[in-house]
N, C-alpha and C. Protein backbone atom coordinates (compact mmCIF):
# COMPACT_ATOMS: atom_id res chain seq x y z
N UNK A 1 110.05 93.67 147.76
CA UNK A 1 111.49 93.76 147.96
C UNK A 1 112.20 93.88 146.61
N UNK A 2 113.31 94.64 146.52
CA UNK A 2 114.00 94.82 145.25
C UNK A 2 114.43 93.52 144.60
N UNK A 3 114.79 92.53 145.41
CA UNK A 3 115.28 91.27 144.85
C UNK A 3 114.24 90.46 144.12
N UNK A 4 112.96 90.77 144.31
CA UNK A 4 111.91 89.99 143.66
C UNK A 4 111.54 90.51 142.28
N UNK A 5 111.89 91.78 141.99
CA UNK A 5 111.43 92.40 140.75
C UNK A 5 112.01 91.73 139.51
N UNK A 6 113.31 91.47 139.51
CA UNK A 6 113.95 90.91 138.33
C UNK A 6 113.41 89.53 137.97
N UNK A 7 113.28 88.58 138.92
CA UNK A 7 112.70 87.29 138.55
C UNK A 7 111.29 87.41 137.99
N UNK A 8 110.48 88.30 138.54
CA UNK A 8 109.13 88.48 138.03
C UNK A 8 109.15 89.00 136.60
N UNK A 9 110.04 89.96 136.31
CA UNK A 9 110.17 90.46 134.95
C UNK A 9 110.65 89.36 134.01
N UNK A 10 111.55 88.53 134.52
CA UNK A 10 112.05 87.42 133.69
C UNK A 10 110.93 86.42 133.39
N UNK A 11 110.08 86.15 134.38
CA UNK A 11 108.96 85.22 134.14
C UNK A 11 107.99 85.81 133.12
N UNK A 12 107.71 87.09 133.26
CA UNK A 12 106.79 87.74 132.33
C UNK A 12 107.37 87.70 130.92
N UNK A 13 108.66 87.97 130.80
CA UNK A 13 109.31 87.95 129.49
C UNK A 13 109.32 86.54 128.92
N UNK A 14 109.50 85.55 129.78
CA UNK A 14 109.50 84.16 129.31
C UNK A 14 108.12 83.78 128.76
N UNK A 15 107.07 84.27 129.42
CA UNK A 15 105.72 84.00 128.93
C UNK A 15 105.50 84.67 127.58
N UNK A 16 105.99 85.90 127.42
CA UNK A 16 105.85 86.61 126.15
C UNK A 16 106.64 85.91 125.05
N UNK A 17 107.82 85.42 125.36
CA UNK A 17 108.60 84.67 124.36
C UNK A 17 107.86 83.41 123.95
N UNK A 18 107.24 82.76 124.92
CA UNK A 18 106.47 81.56 124.60
C UNK A 18 105.25 81.91 123.76
N UNK A 19 104.59 83.03 124.09
CA UNK A 19 103.43 83.47 123.30
C UNK A 19 103.83 83.77 121.87
N UNK A 20 105.02 84.37 121.70
CA UNK A 20 105.51 84.63 120.35
C UNK A 20 105.74 83.33 119.59
N UNK A 21 106.34 82.35 120.24
CA UNK A 21 106.60 81.06 119.60
C UNK A 21 105.29 80.40 119.19
N UNK A 22 104.29 80.46 120.05
CA UNK A 22 102.98 79.87 119.73
C UNK A 22 102.33 80.62 118.58
N UNK A 23 102.36 81.96 118.63
CA UNK A 23 101.73 82.75 117.58
C UNK A 23 102.41 82.55 116.23
N UNK A 24 103.74 82.45 116.24
CA UNK A 24 104.47 82.23 115.00
C UNK A 24 104.14 80.87 114.41
N UNK A 25 103.90 79.90 115.28
CA UNK A 25 103.61 78.54 114.84
C UNK A 25 102.14 78.33 114.47
N UNK A 26 101.25 78.86 115.32
CA UNK A 26 99.82 78.55 115.19
C UNK A 26 98.96 79.77 114.91
N UNK A 27 99.60 80.93 114.64
CA UNK A 27 98.90 82.20 114.40
C UNK A 27 98.25 82.70 115.68
N UNK A 28 97.68 83.89 115.64
CA UNK A 28 97.15 84.50 116.85
C UNK A 28 96.00 83.70 117.45
N UNK A 29 95.22 83.03 116.61
CA UNK A 29 94.10 82.23 117.11
C UNK A 29 94.55 81.05 117.94
N UNK A 30 95.82 80.66 117.79
CA UNK A 30 96.33 79.54 118.56
C UNK A 30 96.92 79.92 119.90
N UNK A 31 96.92 81.23 120.19
CA UNK A 31 97.48 81.70 121.46
C UNK A 31 96.45 81.48 122.56
N UNK A 32 96.59 80.41 123.29
CA UNK A 32 95.74 80.11 124.43
C UNK A 32 96.62 80.02 125.68
N UNK A 33 96.00 80.14 126.83
CA UNK A 33 96.75 80.05 128.08
C UNK A 33 97.44 78.70 128.18
N UNK A 34 96.74 77.64 127.78
CA UNK A 34 97.33 76.30 127.88
C UNK A 34 98.53 76.15 126.96
N UNK A 35 98.41 76.65 125.70
CA UNK A 35 99.50 76.51 124.75
C UNK A 35 100.72 77.33 125.18
N UNK A 36 100.48 78.54 125.64
CA UNK A 36 101.58 79.40 126.06
C UNK A 36 102.24 78.84 127.32
N UNK A 37 101.42 78.38 128.25
CA UNK A 37 101.97 77.81 129.49
C UNK A 37 102.84 76.60 129.19
N UNK A 38 102.38 75.76 128.28
CA UNK A 38 103.15 74.57 127.94
C UNK A 38 104.49 74.94 127.32
N UNK A 39 104.47 75.95 126.46
CA UNK A 39 105.71 76.36 125.81
C UNK A 39 106.67 77.02 126.81
N UNK A 40 106.10 77.75 127.77
CA UNK A 40 106.92 78.46 128.76
C UNK A 40 107.33 77.57 129.93
N UNK A 41 106.68 76.41 130.06
CA UNK A 41 106.97 75.54 131.19
C UNK A 41 106.43 76.05 132.50
N UNK A 42 105.27 76.73 132.43
CA UNK A 42 104.62 77.25 133.64
C UNK A 42 103.16 76.78 133.63
N UNK A 43 102.42 77.17 134.65
CA UNK A 43 101.01 76.81 134.71
C UNK A 43 100.17 77.84 133.97
N UNK A 44 98.99 77.44 133.53
CA UNK A 44 98.06 78.38 132.90
C UNK A 44 97.70 79.49 133.87
N UNK A 45 97.60 79.14 135.16
CA UNK A 45 97.28 80.14 136.16
C UNK A 45 98.30 81.26 136.22
N UNK A 46 99.58 80.91 135.99
CA UNK A 46 100.61 81.95 136.03
C UNK A 46 100.49 82.89 134.82
N UNK A 47 100.07 82.35 133.69
CA UNK A 47 99.83 83.20 132.52
C UNK A 47 98.76 84.23 132.86
N UNK A 48 97.67 83.78 133.46
CA UNK A 48 96.59 84.71 133.83
C UNK A 48 97.01 85.63 134.97
N UNK A 49 97.90 85.18 135.83
CA UNK A 49 98.38 86.03 136.92
C UNK A 49 99.07 87.27 136.37
N UNK A 50 99.87 87.07 135.33
CA UNK A 50 100.62 88.19 134.77
C UNK A 50 99.82 89.01 133.76
N UNK A 51 98.87 88.38 133.06
CA UNK A 51 98.19 89.09 131.96
C UNK A 51 96.67 89.17 132.10
N UNK A 52 96.09 88.43 133.02
CA UNK A 52 94.67 88.47 133.35
C UNK A 52 93.76 87.89 132.27
N UNK A 53 94.08 88.10 131.02
CA UNK A 53 93.24 87.58 129.93
C UNK A 53 94.10 87.36 128.69
N UNK A 54 93.60 86.56 127.76
CA UNK A 54 94.32 86.34 126.50
C UNK A 54 94.37 87.63 125.70
N UNK A 55 93.32 88.43 125.79
CA UNK A 55 93.31 89.71 125.09
C UNK A 55 94.46 90.59 125.57
N UNK A 56 94.64 90.68 126.88
CA UNK A 56 95.75 91.46 127.43
C UNK A 56 97.10 90.88 127.00
N UNK A 57 97.17 89.56 126.95
CA UNK A 57 98.42 88.91 126.53
C UNK A 57 98.74 89.27 125.08
N UNK A 58 97.74 89.28 124.21
CA UNK A 58 97.97 89.60 122.81
C UNK A 58 98.42 91.05 122.63
N UNK A 59 97.83 91.95 123.40
CA UNK A 59 98.25 93.35 123.33
C UNK A 59 99.69 93.48 123.84
N UNK A 60 100.00 92.81 124.94
CA UNK A 60 101.36 92.86 125.49
C UNK A 60 102.37 92.23 124.52
N UNK A 61 101.95 91.18 123.83
CA UNK A 61 102.83 90.54 122.86
C UNK A 61 103.14 91.48 121.70
N UNK A 62 102.14 92.23 121.25
CA UNK A 62 102.38 93.21 120.19
C UNK A 62 103.39 94.27 120.65
N UNK A 63 103.20 94.79 121.87
CA UNK A 63 104.16 95.76 122.41
C UNK A 63 105.56 95.17 122.46
N UNK A 64 105.65 93.93 122.94
CA UNK A 64 106.93 93.22 123.04
C UNK A 64 107.57 93.07 121.67
N UNK A 65 106.77 92.70 120.67
CA UNK A 65 107.27 92.55 119.31
C UNK A 65 107.76 93.87 118.73
N UNK A 66 106.95 94.92 118.89
CA UNK A 66 107.31 96.21 118.32
C UNK A 66 108.57 96.77 118.96
N UNK A 67 108.71 96.58 120.26
CA UNK A 67 109.91 97.06 120.94
C UNK A 67 111.15 96.40 120.37
N UNK A 68 111.10 95.11 120.17
CA UNK A 68 112.26 94.39 119.65
C UNK A 68 112.42 94.60 118.16
N UNK A 69 111.32 94.76 117.46
CA UNK A 69 111.37 95.00 116.02
C UNK A 69 112.05 96.33 115.73
N UNK A 70 111.60 97.39 116.42
CA UNK A 70 112.19 98.69 116.19
C UNK A 70 113.66 98.71 116.61
N UNK A 71 113.95 98.04 117.71
CA UNK A 71 115.33 98.03 118.21
C UNK A 71 116.26 97.31 117.24
N UNK A 72 115.76 96.25 116.61
CA UNK A 72 116.60 95.46 115.71
C UNK A 72 116.57 95.98 114.28
N UNK A 73 115.72 96.97 114.02
CA UNK A 73 115.73 97.59 112.71
C UNK A 73 114.82 96.95 111.69
N UNK A 74 113.88 96.09 112.10
CA UNK A 74 113.00 95.48 111.11
C UNK A 74 112.04 96.51 110.52
N UNK A 75 111.53 97.40 111.36
CA UNK A 75 110.65 98.44 110.84
C UNK A 75 111.41 99.75 110.63
N UNK A 76 112.40 100.01 111.46
CA UNK A 76 113.17 101.23 111.29
C UNK A 76 114.27 100.99 110.26
N UNK A 77 114.77 102.03 109.61
CA UNK A 77 115.86 101.84 108.65
C UNK A 77 117.13 101.38 109.33
N UNK A 78 117.97 100.76 108.56
CA UNK A 78 119.25 100.29 109.09
C UNK A 78 120.12 101.47 109.49
N UNK A 79 121.02 101.23 110.42
CA UNK A 79 122.01 102.26 110.73
C UNK A 79 122.77 102.58 109.46
N UNK A 80 122.94 103.86 109.18
CA UNK A 80 123.52 104.30 107.92
C UNK A 80 124.91 103.69 107.72
N UNK A 81 125.08 102.84 106.68
CA UNK A 81 126.36 102.18 106.49
C UNK A 81 127.40 103.05 105.80
N UNK A 82 126.96 104.17 105.17
CA UNK A 82 127.87 105.01 104.40
C UNK A 82 127.51 106.47 104.65
N UNK A 83 127.88 106.96 105.82
CA UNK A 83 127.47 108.29 106.26
C UNK A 83 127.93 109.40 105.33
N UNK A 84 129.08 109.23 104.69
CA UNK A 84 129.61 110.30 103.87
C UNK A 84 129.26 110.13 102.39
N UNK A 85 128.36 109.22 102.07
CA UNK A 85 128.01 108.97 100.67
C UNK A 85 127.07 110.04 100.14
N UNK A 86 126.96 110.08 98.84
CA UNK A 86 125.98 110.95 98.18
C UNK A 86 124.60 110.58 98.70
N UNK A 87 123.71 111.54 98.97
CA UNK A 87 122.44 111.25 99.65
C UNK A 87 121.58 110.16 99.02
N UNK A 88 121.47 110.15 97.68
CA UNK A 88 120.64 109.11 97.07
C UNK A 88 121.26 107.73 97.24
N UNK A 89 122.59 107.65 97.19
CA UNK A 89 123.27 106.36 97.42
C UNK A 89 123.07 105.92 98.85
N UNK A 90 123.12 106.87 99.78
CA UNK A 90 122.91 106.55 101.19
C UNK A 90 121.50 106.04 101.43
N UNK A 91 120.53 106.69 100.78
CA UNK A 91 119.13 106.26 100.94
C UNK A 91 118.94 104.85 100.38
N UNK A 92 119.49 104.58 99.21
CA UNK A 92 119.38 103.25 98.61
C UNK A 92 120.01 102.20 99.51
N UNK A 93 121.17 102.53 100.10
CA UNK A 93 121.83 101.57 100.99
C UNK A 93 121.00 101.32 102.24
N UNK A 94 120.40 102.38 102.78
CA UNK A 94 119.61 102.24 104.00
C UNK A 94 118.36 101.40 103.74
N UNK A 95 117.63 101.73 102.67
CA UNK A 95 116.44 100.95 102.33
C UNK A 95 116.84 99.53 101.95
N UNK A 96 117.96 99.40 101.26
CA UNK A 96 118.44 98.07 100.88
C UNK A 96 118.70 97.19 102.08
N UNK A 97 119.23 97.78 103.15
CA UNK A 97 119.46 96.99 104.36
C UNK A 97 118.17 96.45 104.93
N UNK A 98 117.11 97.28 104.90
CA UNK A 98 115.80 96.82 105.39
C UNK A 98 115.24 95.72 104.51
N UNK A 99 115.39 95.86 103.19
CA UNK A 99 114.88 94.85 102.27
C UNK A 99 115.61 93.52 102.46
N UNK A 100 116.91 93.57 102.64
CA UNK A 100 117.68 92.33 102.79
C UNK A 100 117.31 91.58 104.07
N UNK A 101 116.86 92.31 105.08
CA UNK A 101 116.48 91.64 106.33
C UNK A 101 115.13 90.93 106.23
N UNK A 102 114.28 91.36 105.32
CA UNK A 102 112.91 90.84 105.30
C UNK A 102 112.83 89.32 105.17
N UNK A 103 113.56 88.68 104.23
CA UNK A 103 113.45 87.22 104.14
C UNK A 103 113.88 86.52 105.43
N UNK A 104 114.88 87.07 106.11
CA UNK A 104 115.34 86.45 107.36
C UNK A 104 114.32 86.64 108.49
N UNK A 105 113.50 87.67 108.38
CA UNK A 105 112.52 87.97 109.42
C UNK A 105 111.10 87.66 108.97
N UNK A 106 110.96 86.72 108.03
CA UNK A 106 109.64 86.45 107.46
C UNK A 106 108.62 86.07 108.53
N UNK A 107 109.02 85.30 109.50
CA UNK A 107 108.11 84.87 110.58
C UNK A 107 107.55 86.08 111.32
N UNK A 108 108.41 87.01 111.66
CA UNK A 108 108.00 88.20 112.38
C UNK A 108 107.11 89.10 111.51
N UNK A 109 107.49 89.23 110.24
CA UNK A 109 106.70 90.06 109.32
C UNK A 109 105.30 89.47 109.14
N UNK A 110 105.22 88.16 109.00
CA UNK A 110 103.93 87.50 108.82
C UNK A 110 103.04 87.71 110.05
N UNK A 111 103.64 87.64 111.21
CA UNK A 111 102.87 87.85 112.43
C UNK A 111 102.41 89.30 112.54
N UNK A 112 103.23 90.23 112.07
CA UNK A 112 102.82 91.63 112.06
C UNK A 112 101.59 91.83 111.18
N UNK A 113 101.56 91.17 110.02
CA UNK A 113 100.38 91.25 109.16
C UNK A 113 99.16 90.62 109.83
N UNK A 114 99.37 89.54 110.57
CA UNK A 114 98.27 88.93 111.32
C UNK A 114 97.69 89.94 112.31
N UNK A 115 98.57 90.66 112.97
CA UNK A 115 98.11 91.68 113.91
C UNK A 115 97.36 92.80 113.18
N UNK A 116 97.81 93.14 112.00
CA UNK A 116 97.12 94.18 111.23
C UNK A 116 95.68 93.77 110.96
N UNK A 117 95.47 92.53 110.56
CA UNK A 117 94.11 92.02 110.32
C UNK A 117 93.32 92.00 111.62
N UNK A 118 93.95 91.50 112.68
CA UNK A 118 93.30 91.45 113.98
C UNK A 118 92.89 92.85 114.45
N UNK A 119 93.71 93.84 114.10
CA UNK A 119 93.44 95.20 114.51
C UNK A 119 92.20 95.81 113.90
N UNK A 120 91.70 95.23 112.81
CA UNK A 120 90.48 95.76 112.20
C UNK A 120 89.29 95.63 113.14
N UNK A 121 89.38 94.73 114.13
CA UNK A 121 88.28 94.58 115.08
C UNK A 121 88.75 94.75 116.53
N UNK A 122 89.95 95.32 116.68
CA UNK A 122 90.50 95.52 118.02
C UNK A 122 91.12 96.92 118.05
N UNK A 123 90.41 97.94 118.56
CA UNK A 123 90.88 99.32 118.49
C UNK A 123 92.26 99.56 119.11
N UNK A 124 92.55 98.94 120.25
CA UNK A 124 93.84 99.18 120.90
C UNK A 124 95.00 98.69 120.03
N UNK A 125 94.83 97.53 119.44
CA UNK A 125 95.87 97.00 118.56
C UNK A 125 95.99 97.84 117.30
N UNK A 126 94.86 98.26 116.75
CA UNK A 126 94.90 99.10 115.56
C UNK A 126 95.68 100.39 115.83
N UNK A 127 95.44 101.02 116.97
CA UNK A 127 96.16 102.25 117.30
C UNK A 127 97.65 102.02 117.44
N UNK A 128 98.03 100.93 118.08
CA UNK A 128 99.46 100.63 118.26
C UNK A 128 100.15 100.39 116.92
N UNK A 129 99.51 99.66 116.03
CA UNK A 129 100.11 99.39 114.73
C UNK A 129 100.22 100.66 113.91
N UNK A 130 99.17 101.47 113.92
CA UNK A 130 99.22 102.72 113.17
C UNK A 130 100.34 103.62 113.69
N UNK A 131 100.50 103.67 115.00
CA UNK A 131 101.56 104.48 115.57
C UNK A 131 102.93 103.96 115.15
N UNK A 132 103.11 102.65 115.16
CA UNK A 132 104.38 102.07 114.74
C UNK A 132 104.69 102.40 113.29
N UNK A 133 103.67 102.36 112.43
CA UNK A 133 103.88 102.65 111.02
C UNK A 133 104.17 104.13 110.78
N UNK A 134 103.58 104.99 111.59
CA UNK A 134 103.89 106.43 111.51
C UNK A 134 105.36 106.65 111.85
N UNK A 135 105.82 106.03 112.93
CA UNK A 135 107.22 106.16 113.34
C UNK A 135 108.15 105.60 112.27
N UNK A 136 107.73 104.51 111.66
CA UNK A 136 108.50 103.88 110.59
C UNK A 136 108.69 104.84 109.43
N UNK A 137 107.58 105.43 108.97
CA UNK A 137 107.67 106.38 107.86
C UNK A 137 108.53 107.58 108.25
N UNK A 138 108.33 108.10 109.44
CA UNK A 138 109.07 109.28 109.87
C UNK A 138 110.57 109.02 109.98
N UNK A 139 110.94 107.75 110.20
CA UNK A 139 112.36 107.43 110.32
C UNK A 139 113.12 107.65 109.02
N UNK A 140 112.39 107.79 107.91
CA UNK A 140 113.03 108.03 106.61
C UNK A 140 113.01 109.49 106.20
N UNK A 141 112.43 110.36 107.00
CA UNK A 141 112.27 111.76 106.59
C UNK A 141 113.61 112.46 106.37
N UNK A 142 114.55 112.27 107.27
CA UNK A 142 115.83 112.98 107.15
C UNK A 142 116.56 112.59 105.87
N UNK A 143 116.61 111.30 105.57
CA UNK A 143 117.27 110.86 104.34
C UNK A 143 116.52 111.36 103.11
N UNK A 144 115.19 111.35 103.17
CA UNK A 144 114.40 111.84 102.05
C UNK A 144 114.68 113.31 101.79
N UNK A 145 114.74 114.10 102.85
CA UNK A 145 115.02 115.53 102.68
C UNK A 145 116.42 115.76 102.11
N UNK A 146 117.38 114.95 102.54
CA UNK A 146 118.74 115.08 102.02
C UNK A 146 118.79 114.82 100.51
N UNK A 147 118.05 113.82 100.06
CA UNK A 147 118.01 113.51 98.63
C UNK A 147 117.40 114.66 97.85
N UNK A 148 116.30 115.19 98.36
CA UNK A 148 115.63 116.30 97.68
C UNK A 148 116.53 117.53 97.63
N UNK A 149 117.21 117.83 98.73
CA UNK A 149 118.11 118.98 98.78
C UNK A 149 119.29 118.81 97.82
N UNK A 150 119.76 117.58 97.66
CA UNK A 150 120.92 117.33 96.79
C UNK A 150 120.56 117.39 95.32
N UNK A 151 119.29 117.10 94.99
CA UNK A 151 118.86 117.05 93.59
C UNK A 151 117.53 117.80 93.42
N UNK A 152 117.54 119.12 93.61
CA UNK A 152 116.28 119.88 93.57
C UNK A 152 115.57 119.83 92.23
N UNK A 153 116.32 119.75 91.14
CA UNK A 153 115.67 119.71 89.83
C UNK A 153 114.97 118.37 89.61
N UNK A 154 115.67 117.30 89.95
CA UNK A 154 115.09 115.96 89.77
C UNK A 154 113.85 115.78 90.63
N UNK A 155 113.85 116.34 91.84
CA UNK A 155 112.74 116.15 92.77
C UNK A 155 111.93 117.44 92.96
N UNK A 156 111.85 118.21 91.89
CA UNK A 156 111.11 119.47 91.95
C UNK A 156 109.65 119.23 92.36
N UNK A 157 109.19 120.01 93.32
CA UNK A 157 107.79 119.89 93.76
C UNK A 157 107.54 118.76 94.73
N UNK A 158 108.55 117.99 95.04
CA UNK A 158 108.38 116.86 95.96
C UNK A 158 108.80 117.27 97.37
N UNK A 159 108.11 116.74 98.36
CA UNK A 159 108.45 117.00 99.76
C UNK A 159 109.06 115.76 100.39
N UNK A 160 109.73 115.98 101.52
CA UNK A 160 110.28 114.83 102.25
C UNK A 160 109.16 113.90 102.70
N UNK A 161 108.02 114.47 103.11
CA UNK A 161 106.89 113.63 103.50
C UNK A 161 106.45 112.73 102.35
N UNK A 162 106.37 113.31 101.16
CA UNK A 162 105.93 112.53 100.01
C UNK A 162 106.90 111.42 99.66
N UNK A 163 108.20 111.73 99.69
CA UNK A 163 109.20 110.72 99.37
C UNK A 163 109.24 109.64 100.44
N UNK A 164 109.08 110.04 101.72
CA UNK A 164 109.05 109.05 102.80
C UNK A 164 107.85 108.13 102.66
N UNK A 165 106.72 108.69 102.21
CA UNK A 165 105.53 107.86 101.96
C UNK A 165 105.83 106.80 100.90
N UNK A 166 106.51 107.20 99.84
CA UNK A 166 106.83 106.27 98.76
C UNK A 166 107.79 105.19 99.25
N UNK A 167 108.78 105.59 100.03
CA UNK A 167 109.74 104.62 100.57
C UNK A 167 109.03 103.59 101.45
N UNK A 168 108.17 104.10 102.34
CA UNK A 168 107.44 103.20 103.23
C UNK A 168 106.55 102.26 102.43
N UNK A 169 105.85 102.79 101.42
CA UNK A 169 104.98 101.95 100.60
C UNK A 169 105.77 100.88 99.86
N UNK A 170 106.96 101.26 99.38
CA UNK A 170 107.84 100.30 98.71
C UNK A 170 108.19 99.15 99.65
N UNK A 171 108.54 99.48 100.90
CA UNK A 171 108.92 98.44 101.85
C UNK A 171 107.72 97.61 102.29
N UNK A 172 106.53 98.24 102.41
CA UNK A 172 105.33 97.45 102.73
C UNK A 172 105.11 96.42 101.63
N UNK A 173 105.28 96.86 100.38
CA UNK A 173 105.08 95.93 99.26
C UNK A 173 106.08 94.79 99.29
N UNK A 174 107.35 95.11 99.61
CA UNK A 174 108.36 94.07 99.72
C UNK A 174 108.01 93.09 100.83
N UNK A 175 107.56 93.61 101.96
CA UNK A 175 107.19 92.75 103.08
C UNK A 175 106.04 91.83 102.69
N UNK A 176 105.07 92.37 101.97
CA UNK A 176 103.93 91.55 101.55
C UNK A 176 104.38 90.45 100.59
N UNK A 177 105.29 90.77 99.68
CA UNK A 177 105.81 89.75 98.77
C UNK A 177 106.55 88.65 99.52
N UNK A 178 107.32 89.03 100.53
CA UNK A 178 108.06 88.05 101.31
C UNK A 178 107.11 87.07 101.99
N UNK A 179 105.96 87.57 102.42
CA UNK A 179 104.98 86.72 103.11
C UNK A 179 104.19 85.87 102.13
N UNK A 180 103.74 86.49 101.02
CA UNK A 180 102.82 85.79 100.12
C UNK A 180 103.51 84.96 99.05
N UNK A 181 104.71 85.36 98.62
CA UNK A 181 105.37 84.64 97.54
C UNK A 181 106.89 84.70 97.72
N UNK A 182 107.38 84.11 98.81
CA UNK A 182 108.81 84.27 99.14
C UNK A 182 109.76 83.69 98.11
N UNK A 183 109.35 82.64 97.39
CA UNK A 183 110.26 82.03 96.43
C UNK A 183 110.51 82.92 95.22
N UNK A 184 109.59 83.82 94.94
CA UNK A 184 109.74 84.69 93.78
C UNK A 184 110.30 86.06 94.15
N UNK A 185 110.45 86.32 95.43
CA UNK A 185 110.95 87.62 95.83
C UNK A 185 112.46 87.65 95.62
N UNK A 186 112.88 88.45 94.66
CA UNK A 186 114.29 88.55 94.29
C UNK A 186 114.86 89.84 94.88
N UNK A 187 115.64 89.69 95.93
CA UNK A 187 116.18 90.86 96.63
C UNK A 187 117.04 91.71 95.71
N UNK A 188 117.96 91.09 94.97
CA UNK A 188 118.89 91.87 94.14
C UNK A 188 118.15 92.58 93.01
N UNK A 189 117.20 91.94 92.39
CA UNK A 189 116.43 92.60 91.32
C UNK A 189 115.63 93.77 91.89
N UNK A 190 115.06 93.57 93.07
CA UNK A 190 114.28 94.63 93.71
C UNK A 190 115.16 95.83 94.01
N UNK A 191 116.35 95.58 94.55
CA UNK A 191 117.24 96.68 94.91
C UNK A 191 117.82 97.36 93.68
N UNK A 192 118.05 96.61 92.61
CA UNK A 192 118.52 97.23 91.36
C UNK A 192 117.46 98.18 90.81
N UNK A 193 116.20 97.77 90.92
CA UNK A 193 115.10 98.64 90.47
C UNK A 193 115.02 99.89 91.33
N UNK A 194 115.14 99.72 92.64
CA UNK A 194 115.13 100.87 93.54
C UNK A 194 116.26 101.83 93.21
N UNK A 195 117.44 101.31 92.98
CA UNK A 195 118.59 102.14 92.65
C UNK A 195 118.33 102.96 91.39
N UNK A 196 117.74 102.33 90.37
CA UNK A 196 117.46 103.03 89.12
C UNK A 196 116.42 104.13 89.30
N UNK A 197 115.48 103.91 90.22
CA UNK A 197 114.43 104.90 90.45
C UNK A 197 114.91 106.09 91.28
N UNK A 198 115.79 105.83 92.22
CA UNK A 198 116.17 106.87 93.18
C UNK A 198 117.40 107.66 92.74
N UNK A 199 118.41 106.98 92.26
CA UNK A 199 119.66 107.68 91.93
C UNK A 199 119.50 108.52 90.67
N UNK A 200 120.10 109.69 90.65
CA UNK A 200 120.03 110.52 89.44
C UNK A 200 120.83 109.86 88.32
N UNK A 201 120.41 110.05 87.07
CA UNK A 201 121.16 109.44 85.96
C UNK A 201 122.56 110.00 85.87
N UNK A 202 123.48 109.15 85.46
CA UNK A 202 124.88 109.56 85.30
C UNK A 202 125.02 110.33 84.01
N UNK A 203 125.65 111.48 84.09
CA UNK A 203 125.83 112.30 82.88
C UNK A 203 126.73 111.57 81.89
N UNK A 204 126.36 111.67 80.63
CA UNK A 204 127.15 111.01 79.58
C UNK A 204 128.50 111.70 79.42
């Protein structure tokens, strides 16, 4: 019946939220039916009813995370805050928005890295993460091309793919610093360095 679908989706989502809370607290190895059920306030049997196995739950949790991550802009670039700006300034602002969010999203970023390690022995998870990272890199292609078109001499021989690769690698490095050494990660210093690298020098 149509009236039953929404509560079932809500229960499934509640279990996934509980699984996220457990994984953030105890890492992926701590995600058990008992722990998730306790956090969700349901029975272990209901966890298995919706997901059948912990493996299925972990895959579903990754999908759930990626959907919300991309929607909130953790992996995708921020909505362009200065649409009419010079292309390199716009790119710096867009990447800067992603960098500024990383410390606030450290828990989510750390769990994403946990999934990356887990994916080395789990093909389905590895494929999902690789696909997410491809989409992430591609989300910077348009801005990268605009920068190259605006400054052909400065970026001679460079392609949008190449510049997007560098942008993505820069953000991966920032994310890793946030996870491994958050107290030393200086957002403003990092963004000042990015600005110096990307923006063309001002004519004297």
